[in-house]
């Protein structure tokens, strides 16, 4: 087999191997991206629930503060 032909075969094999490797790397990167997005989604769900709980708690606290302010104003209005 002539050396040029042998180099061409080796080159073709190398290109094919590199192409396969590239596809495996791309697939691995997509898998990593999917896992990262799943992690962020889980974290965001937990944070969303926490924020909702805090907002409800804050609304209840504001209602209590408004009631206290009304009482204080009523007491101050009764003073001579």
PDB file of N, CA and C in Angstrom:
ATOM      1  N   UNK A   1       0.853  -1.173   0.000  1.00  0.00           N
ATOM      2  CA  UNK A   1       0.000   0.000   0.000  1.00  0.00           C
ATOM      3  C   UNK A   1       0.899   1.236   0.000  1.00  0.00           C
ATOM      4  N   UNK A   2       0.654   2.147  -0.918  1.00  0.00           N
ATOM      5  CA  UNK A   2       1.475   3.362  -0.953  1.00  0.00           C
ATOM      6  C   UNK A   2       1.271   4.182   0.322  1.00  0.00           C
ATOM      7  N   UNK A   3       2.336   4.923   0.659  1.00  0.00           N
ATOM      8  CA  UNK A   3       2.299   5.688   1.903  1.00  0.00           C
ATOM      9  C   UNK A   3       1.228   6.774   1.876  1.00  0.00           C
ATOM     10  N   UNK A   4       0.991   7.410   0.748  1.00  0.00           N
ATOM     11  CA  UNK A   4      -0.050   8.436   0.651  1.00  0.00           C
ATOM     12  C   UNK A   4      -1.426   7.839   0.929  1.00  0.00           C
ATOM     13  N   UNK A   5      -1.640   6.651   0.399  1.00  0.00           N
ATOM     14  CA  UNK A   5      -2.935   5.972   0.609  1.00  0.00           C
ATOM     15  C   UNK A   5      -3.088   5.609   2.082  1.00  0.00           C
ATOM     16  N   UNK A   6      -2.006   5.147   2.686  1.00  0.00           N
ATOM     17  CA  UNK A   6      -2.028   4.777   4.100  1.00  0.00           C
ATOM     18  C   UNK A   6      -2.307   6.013   4.970  1.00  0.00           C
ATOM     19  N   UNK A   7      -1.669   7.133   4.656  1.00  0.00           N
ATOM     20  CA  UNK A   7      -1.899   8.385   5.387  1.00  0.00           C
ATOM     21  C   UNK A   7      -3.344   8.841   5.237  1.00  0.00           C
ATOM     22  N   UNK A   8      -3.905   8.654   4.047  1.00  0.00           N
ATOM     23  CA  UNK A   8      -5.295   9.047   3.804  1.00  0.00           C
ATOM     24  C   UNK A   8      -6.239   8.200   4.645  1.00  0.00           C
ATOM     25  N   UNK A   9      -5.961   6.894   4.725  1.00  0.00           N
ATOM     26  CA  UNK A   9      -6.806   6.002   5.534  1.00  0.00           C
ATOM     27  C   UNK A   9      -6.710   6.380   7.009  1.00  0.00           C
ATOM     28  N   UNK A  10      -5.488   6.624   7.476  1.00  0.00           N
ATOM     29  CA  UNK A  10      -5.293   7.034   8.872  1.00  0.00           C
ATOM     30  C   UNK A  10      -5.996   8.368   9.118  1.00  0.00           C
ATOM     31  N   UNK A  11      -5.890   9.283   8.167  1.00  0.00           N
ATOM     32  CA  UNK A  11      -6.559  10.583   8.288  1.00  0.00           C
ATOM     33  C   UNK A  11      -8.066  10.433   8.350  1.00  0.00           C
ATOM     34  N   UNK A  12      -8.616   9.566   7.497  1.00  0.00           N
ATOM     35  CA  UNK A  12     -10.060   9.324   7.503  1.00  0.00           C
ATOM     36  C   UNK A  12     -10.496   8.700   8.821  1.00  0.00           C
ATOM     37  N   UNK A  13      -9.721   7.737   9.304  1.00  0.00           N
ATOM     38  CA  UNK A  13     -10.047   7.094  10.587  1.00  0.00           C
ATOM     39  C   UNK A  13      -9.983   8.105  11.738  1.00  0.00           C
ATOM     40  N   UNK A  14      -8.964   8.950  11.682  1.00  0.00           N
ATOM     41  CA  UNK A  14      -8.803   9.963  12.726  1.00  0.00           C
ATOM     42  C   UNK A  14      -9.961  10.958  12.698  1.00  0.00           C
ATOM     43  N   UNK A  15     -10.352  11.385  11.498  1.00  0.00           N
ATOM     44  CA  UNK A  15     -11.480  12.304  11.373  1.00  0.00           C
ATOM     45  C   UNK A  15     -12.772  11.664  11.894  1.00  0.00           C
ATOM     46  N   UNK A  16     -12.964  10.415  11.574  1.00  0.00           N
ATOM     47  CA  UNK A  16     -14.162   9.701  12.039  1.00  0.00           C
ATOM     48  C   UNK A  16     -14.150   9.587  13.559  1.00  0.00           C
ATOM     49  N   UNK A  17     -12.989   9.246  14.118  1.00  0.00           N
ATOM     50  CA  UNK A  17     -12.880   9.125  15.570  1.00  0.00           C
ATOM     51  C   UNK A  17     -13.116  10.476  16.248  1.00  0.00           C
ATOM     52  N   UNK A  18     -12.545  11.534  15.671  1.00  0.00           N
ATOM     53  CA  UNK A  18     -12.751  12.873  16.228  1.00  0.00           C
ATOM     54  C   UNK A  18     -14.212  13.296  16.122  1.00  0.00           C
ATOM     55  N   UNK A  19     -14.845  12.945  15.018  1.00  0.00           N
ATOM     56  CA  UNK A  19     -16.266  13.264  14.858  1.00  0.00           C
ATOM     57  C   UNK A  19     -17.122  12.554  15.893  1.00  0.00           C
ATOM     58  N   UNK A  20     -16.812  11.275  16.138  1.00  0.00           N
ATOM     59  CA  UNK A  20     -17.532  10.515  17.175  1.00  0.00           C
ATOM     60  C   UNK A  20     -17.293  11.117  18.552  1.00  0.00           C
ATOM     61  N   UNK A  21     -16.033  11.477  18.809  1.00  0.00           N
ATOM     62  CA  UNK A  21     -15.707  12.074  20.097  1.00  0.00           C
ATOM     63  C   UNK A  21     -16.440  13.401  20.276  1.00  0.00           C
ATOM     64  N   UNK A  22     -16.502  14.188  19.212  1.00  0.00           N
ATOM     65  CA  UNK A  22     -17.206  15.466  19.270  1.00  0.00           C
ATOM     66  C   UNK A  22     -18.683  15.254  19.616  1.00  0.00           C
ATOM     67  N   UNK A  23     -19.300  14.267  19.007  1.00  0.00           N
ATOM     68  CA  UNK A  23     -20.713  13.981  19.288  1.00  0.00           C
ATOM     69  C   UNK A  23     -20.911  13.550  20.743  1.00  0.00           C
ATOM     70  N   UNK A  24     -19.987  12.739  21.261  1.00  0.00           N
ATOM     71  CA  UNK A  24     -20.093  12.308  22.661  1.00  0.00           C
ATOM     72  C   UNK A  24     -19.913  13.489  23.607  1.00  0.00           C
ATOM     73  N   UNK A  25     -18.989  14.382  23.288  1.00  0.00           N
ATOM     74  CA  UNK A  25     -18.768  15.566  24.125  1.00  0.00           C
ATOM     75  C   UNK A  25     -19.997  16.470  24.103  1.00  0.00           C
ATOM     76  N   UNK A  26     -20.553  16.680  22.929  1.00  0.00           N
ATOM     77  CA  UNK A  26     -21.754  17.511  22.813  1.00  0.00           C
ATOM     78  C   UNK A  26     -22.894  16.909  23.629  1.00  0.00           C
ATOM     79  N   UNK A  27     -23.078  15.605  23.551  1.00  0.00           N
ATOM     80  CA  UNK A  27     -24.138  14.933  24.311  1.00  0.00           C
ATOM     81  C   UNK A  27     -23.900  15.069  25.814  1.00  0.00           C
ATOM     82  N   UNK A  28     -22.642  14.920  26.238  1.00  0.00           N
ATOM     83  CA  UNK A  28     -22.319  15.069  27.658  1.00  0.00           C
ATOM     84  C   UNK A  28     -22.585  16.495  28.124  1.00  0.00           C
ATOM     85  N   UNK A  29     -22.267  17.468  27.287  1.00  0.00           N
ATOM     86  CA  UNK A  29     -22.513  18.867  27.643  1.00  0.00           C
ATOM     87  C   UNK A  29     -24.011  19.141  27.754  1.00  0.00           C
ATOM     88  N   UNK A  30     -24.792  18.574  26.873  1.00  0.00           N
ATOM     89  CA  UNK A  30     -26.245  18.739  26.942  1.00  0.00           C
ATOM     90  C   UNK A  30     -26.801  18.095  28.209  1.00  0.00           C
ATOM     91  N   UNK A  31     -26.275  16.935  28.560  1.00  0.00           N
ATOM     92  CA  UNK A  31     -26.707  16.278  29.795  1.00  0.00           C
ATOM     93  C   UNK A  31     -26.376  17.134  31.014  1.00  0.00           C
ATOM     94  N   UNK A  32     -25.174  17.727  31.026  1.00  0.00           N
ATOM     95  CA  UNK A  32     -24.786  18.590  32.137  1.00  0.00           C
ATOM     96  C   UNK A  32     -25.701  19.814  32.208  1.00  0.00           C
ATOM     97  N   UNK A  33     -25.987  20.393  31.058  1.00  0.00           N
ATOM     98  CA  UNK A  33     -26.866  21.558  31.010  1.00  0.00           C
ATOM     99  C   UNK A  33     -28.246  21.203  31.566  1.00  0.00           C
ATOM    100  N   UNK A  34     -28.759  20.049  31.198  1.00  0.00           N
ATOM    101  CA  UNK A  34     -30.058  19.603  31.688  1.00  0.00           C
ATOM    102  C   UNK A  34     -30.036  19.449  33.201  1.00  0.00           C
ATOM    103  N   UNK A  35     -28.990  18.855  33.731  1.00  0.00           N
ATOM    104  CA  UNK A  35     -28.889  18.666  35.184  1.00  0.00           C
ATOM    105  C   UNK A  35     -28.801  20.008  35.907  1.00  0.00           C
ATOM    106  N   UNK A  36     -28.047  20.934  35.354  1.00  0.00           N
ATOM    107  CA  UNK A  36     -27.940  22.262  35.965  1.00  0.00           C
ATOM    108  C   UNK A  36     -29.298  22.955  35.966  1.00  0.00           C
ATOM    109  N   UNK A  37     -30.009  22.890  34.849  1.00  0.00           N
ATOM    110  CA  UNK A  37     -31.330  23.513  34.778  1.00  0.00           C
ATOM    111  C   UNK A  37     -32.305  22.869  35.748  1.00  0.00           C
ATOM    112  N   UNK A  38     -32.233  21.558  35.902  1.00  0.00           N
ATOM    113  CA  UNK A  38     -33.091  20.878  36.881  1.00  0.00           C
ATOM    114  C   UNK A  38     -32.775  21.350  38.290  1.00  0.00           C
ATOM    115  N   UNK A  39     -31.501  21.505  38.591  1.00  0.00           N
ATOM    116  CA  UNK A  39     -31.093  21.996  39.913  1.00  0.00           C
ATOM    117  C   UNK A  39     -31.611  23.393  40.170  1.00  0.00           C
ATOM    118  N   UNK A  40     -31.491  24.278  39.186  1.00  0.00           N
ATOM    119  CA  UNK A  40     -31.998  25.640  39.341  1.00  0.00           C
ATOM    120  C   UNK A  40     -33.507  25.642  39.506  1.00  0.00           C
ATOM    121  N   UNK A  41     -34.185  24.772  38.756  1.00  0.00           N
ATOM    122  CA  UNK A  41     -35.638  24.712  38.843  1.00  0.00           C
ATOM    123  C   UNK A  41     -36.071  24.276  40.246  1.00  0.00           C
ATOM    124  N   UNK A  42     -35.421  23.272  40.783  1.00  0.00           N
ATOM    125  CA  UNK A  42     -35.739  22.811  42.140  1.00  0.00           C
ATOM    126  C   UNK A  42     -35.479  23.913  43.157  1.00  0.00           C
ATOM    127  N   UNK A  43     -34.364  24.597  43.005  1.00  0.00           N
ATOM    128  CA  UNK A  43     -34.035  25.696  43.919  1.00  0.00           C
ATOM    129  C   UNK A  43     -35.068  26.817  43.802  1.00  0.00           C
ATOM    130  N   UNK A  44     -35.447  27.149  42.591  1.00  0.00           N
ATOM    131  CA  UNK A  44     -36.414  28.236  42.374  1.00  0.00           C
ATOM    132  C   UNK A  44     -37.776  27.882  42.967  1.00  0.00           C
ATOM    133  N   UNK A  45     -38.182  26.631  42.861  1.00  0.00           N
ATOM    134  CA  UNK A  45     -39.463  26.220  43.448  1.00  0.00           C
ATOM    135  C   UNK A  45     -39.440  26.417  44.949  1.00  0.00           C
ATOM    136  N   UNK A  46     -38.357  26.013  45.591  1.00  0.00           N
ATOM    137  CA  UNK A  46     -38.219  26.182  47.039  1.00  0.00           C
ATOM    138  C   UNK A  46     -38.209  27.648  47.433  1.00  0.00           C
ATOM    139  N   UNK A  47     -37.485  28.447  46.667  1.00  0.00           N
ATOM    140  CA  UNK A  47     -37.425  29.880  46.965  1.00  0.00           C
ATOM    141  C   UNK A  47     -38.771  30.549  46.726  1.00  0.00           C
ATOM    142  N   UNK A  48     -39.492  30.108  45.706  1.00  0.00           N
ATOM    143  CA  UNK A  48     -40.827  30.660  45.433  1.00  0.00           C
ATOM    144  C   UNK A  48     -41.776  30.384  46.581  1.00  0.00           C
ATOM    145  N   UNK A  49     -41.736  29.171  47.106  1.00  0.00           N
ATOM    146  CA  UNK A  49     -42.587  28.826  48.253  1.00  0.00           C
ATOM    147  C   UNK A  49     -42.205  29.663  49.468  1.00  0.00           C
ATOM    148  N   UNK A  50     -40.925  29.852  49.671  1.00  0.00           N
ATOM    149  CA  UNK A  50     -40.458  30.671  50.798  1.00  0.00           C
ATOM    150  C   UNK A  50     -40.914  32.113  50.651  1.00  0.00           C
ATOM    151  N   UNK A  51     -40.785  32.665  49.470  1.00  0.00           N
ATOM    152  CA  UNK A  51     -41.214  34.055  49.235  1.00  0.00           C
ATOM    153  C   UNK A  51     -42.713  34.205  49.439  1.00  0.00           C
ATOM    154  N   UNK A  52     -43.483  33.234  48.987  1.00  0.00           N
ATOM    155  CA  UNK A  52     -44.928  33.307  49.170  1.00  0.00           C
ATOM    156  C   UNK A  52     -45.273  33.296  50.663  1.00  0.00           C
ATOM    157  N   UNK A  53     -44.619  32.428  51.419  1.00  0.00           N
ATOM    158  CA  UNK A  53     -44.856  32.362  52.857  1.00  0.00           C
ATOM    159  C   UNK A  53     -44.487  33.688  53.524  1.00  0.00           C
ATOM    160  N   UNK A  54     -43.378  34.285  53.118  1.00  0.00           N
ATOM    161  CA  UNK A  54     -42.966  35.568  53.690  1.00  0.00           C
ATOM    162  C   UNK A  54     -43.950  36.681  53.337  1.00  0.00           C
ATOM    163  N   UNK A  55     -44.468  36.674  52.114  1.00  0.00           N
ATOM    164  CA  UNK A  55     -45.423  37.700  51.710  1.00  0.00           C
ATOM    165  C   UNK A  55     -46.716  37.593  52.510  1.00  0.00           C
ATOM    166  N   UNK A  56     -47.178  36.374  52.738  1.00  0.00           N
ATOM    167  CA  UNK A  56     -48.392  36.175  53.545  1.00  0.00           C
ATOM    168  C   UNK A  56     -48.142  36.642  54.968  1.00  0.00           C
ATOM    169  N   UNK A  57     -46.992  36.282  55.512  1.00  0.00           N
ATOM    170  CA  UNK A  57     -46.639  36.685  56.872  1.00  0.00           C
ATOM    171  C   UNK A  57     -46.533  38.202  56.976  1.00  0.00           C
ATOM    172  N   UNK A  58     -45.939  38.821  55.966  1.00  0.00           N
ATOM    173  CA  UNK A  58     -45.801  40.283  55.964  1.00  0.00           C
ATOM    174  C   UNK A  58     -47.168  40.954  55.900  1.00  0.00           C
ATOM    175  N   UNK A  59     -48.070  40.427  55.090  1.00  0.00           N
ATOM    176  CA  UNK A  59     -49.416  41.001  54.986  1.00  0.00           C
ATOM    177  C   UNK A  59     -50.143  40.913  56.326  1.00  0.00           C
ATOM    178  N   UNK A  60     -49.995  39.781  57.015  1.00  0.00           N
ATOM    179  CA  UNK A  60     -50.626  39.618  58.329  1.00  0.00           C
ATOM    180  C   UNK A  60     -50.019  40.603  59.324  1.00  0.00           C
ATOM    181  N   UNK A  61     -48.725  40.775  59.277  1.00  0.00           N
ATOM    182  CA  UNK A  61     -48.053  41.713  60.176  1.00  0.00           C
ATOM    183  C   UNK A  61     -48.509  43.147  59.897  1.00  0.00           C
ATOM    184  N   UNK A  62     -48.646  43.504  58.639  1.00  0.00           N
ATOM    185  CA  UNK A  62     -49.114  44.855  58.293  1.00  0.00           C
ATOM    186  C   UNK A  62     -50.537  45.083  58.791  1.00  0.00           C
ATOM    187  N   UNK A  63     -51.387  44.069  58.703  1.00  0.00           N
ATOM    188  CA  UNK A  63     -52.756  44.207  59.197  1.00  0.00           C
ATOM    189  C   UNK A  63     -52.751  44.414  60.706  1.00  0.00           C
ATOM    190  N   UNK A  64     -51.924  43.673  61.417  1.00  0.00           N
ATOM    191  CA  UNK A  64     -51.824  43.839  62.870  1.00  0.00           C
ATOM    192  C   UNK A  64     -51.293  45.217  63.227  1.00  0.00           C
ATOM    193  N   UNK A  65     -50.296  45.687  62.485  1.00  0.00           N
ATOM    194  CA  UNK A  65     -49.745  47.030  62.745  1.00  0.00           C
ATOM    195  C   UNK A  65     -50.797  48.111  62.498  1.00  0.00           C
ATOM    196  N   UNK A  66     -51.589  47.951  61.452  1.00  0.00           N
ATOM    197  CA  UNK A  66     -52.644  48.918  61.165  1.00  0.00           C
ATOM    198  C   UNK A  66     -53.664  48.947  62.299  1.00  0.00           C
ATOM    199  N   UNK A  67     -54.015  47.788  62.833  1.00  0.00           N
ATOM    200  CA  UNK A  67     -54.966  47.729  63.954  1.00  0.00           C
ATOM    201  C   UNK A  67     -54.384  48.415  65.184  1.00  0.00           C
ATOM    202  N   UNK A  68     -53.106  48.185  65.453  1.00  0.00           N
ATOM    203  CA  UNK A  68     -52.458  48.843  66.601  1.00  0.00           C
ATOM    204  C   UNK A  68     -52.410  50.350  66.402  1.00  0.00           C
ATOM    205  N   UNK A  69     -52.096  50.793  65.206  1.00  0.00           N
ATOM    206  CA  UNK A  69     -52.057  52.236  64.927  1.00  0.00           C
ATOM    207  C   UNK A  69     -53.429  52.859  65.150  1.00  0.00           C
ATOM    208  N   UNK A  70     -54.475  52.171  64.711  1.00  0.00           N
ATOM    209  CA  UNK A  70     -55.825  52.689  64.929  1.00  0.00           C
ATOM    210  C   UNK A  70     -56.126  52.811  66.416  1.00  0.00           C
ATOM    211  N   UNK A  71     -55.746  51.828  67.203  1.00  0.00           N
ATOM    212  CA  UNK A  71     -55.970  51.876  68.649  1.00  0.00           C
ATOM    213  C   UNK A  71     -55.216  53.038  69.283  1.00  0.00           C
ATOM    214  N   UNK A  72     -53.958  53.202  68.888  1.00  0.00           N
ATOM    215  CA  UNK A  72     -53.155  54.284  69.456  1.00  0.00           C
ATOM    216  C   UNK A  72     -53.752  55.637  69.078  1.00  0.00           C
ATOM    217  N   UNK A  73     -54.165  55.786  67.829  1.00  0.00           N
ATOM    218  CA  UNK A  73     -54.777  57.045  67.403  1.00  0.00           C
ATOM    219  C   UNK A  73     -56.074  57.308  68.164  1.00  0.00           C
ATOM    220  N   UNK A  74     -56.843  56.249  68.398  1.00  0.00           N
ATOM    221  CA  UNK A  74     -58.091  56.413  69.147  1.00  0.00           C
ATOM    222  C   UNK A  74     -57.789  56.836  70.583  1.00  0.00           C
ATOM    223  N   UNK A  75     -56.760  56.249  71.202  1.00  0.00           N
ATOM    224  CA  UNK A  75     -56.388  56.642  72.552  1.00  0.00           C
ATOM    225  C   UNK A  75     -55.888  58.078  72.590  1.00  0.00           C
ATOM    226  N   UNK A  76     -55.089  58.448  71.610  1.00  0.00           N
ATOM    227  CA  UNK A  76     -54.566  59.820  71.563  1.00  0.00           C
ATOM    228  C   UNK A  76     -55.685  60.824  71.325  1.00  0.00           C
ATOM    229  N   UNK A  77     -56.681  60.467  70.563  1.00  0.00           N
ATOM    230  CA  UNK A  77     -57.798  61.370  70.290  1.00  0.00           C
ATOM    231  C   UNK A  77     -58.647  61.591  71.529  1.00  0.00           C
ATOM    232  N   UNK A  78     -58.695  60.640  72.454  1.00  0.00           N
ATOM    233  CA  UNK A  78     -59.471  60.776  73.682  1.00  0.00           C
ATOM    234  C   UNK A  78     -58.802  61.640  74.710  1.00  0.00           C
ATOM    235  N   UNK A  79     -57.512  61.864  74.601  1.00  0.00           N
ATOM    236  CA  UNK A  79     -56.782  62.676  75.576  1.00  0.00           C
ATOM    237  C   UNK A  79     -57.219  64.114  75.486  1.00  0.00           C
ATOM    238  N   UNK A  80     -57.295  64.795  76.661  1.00  0.00           N
ATOM    239  CA  UNK A  80     -57.687  66.210  76.635  1.00  0.00           C
ATOM    240  C   UNK A  80     -56.621  67.112  76.068  1.00  0.00           C
TER     241      UNK A  80
END
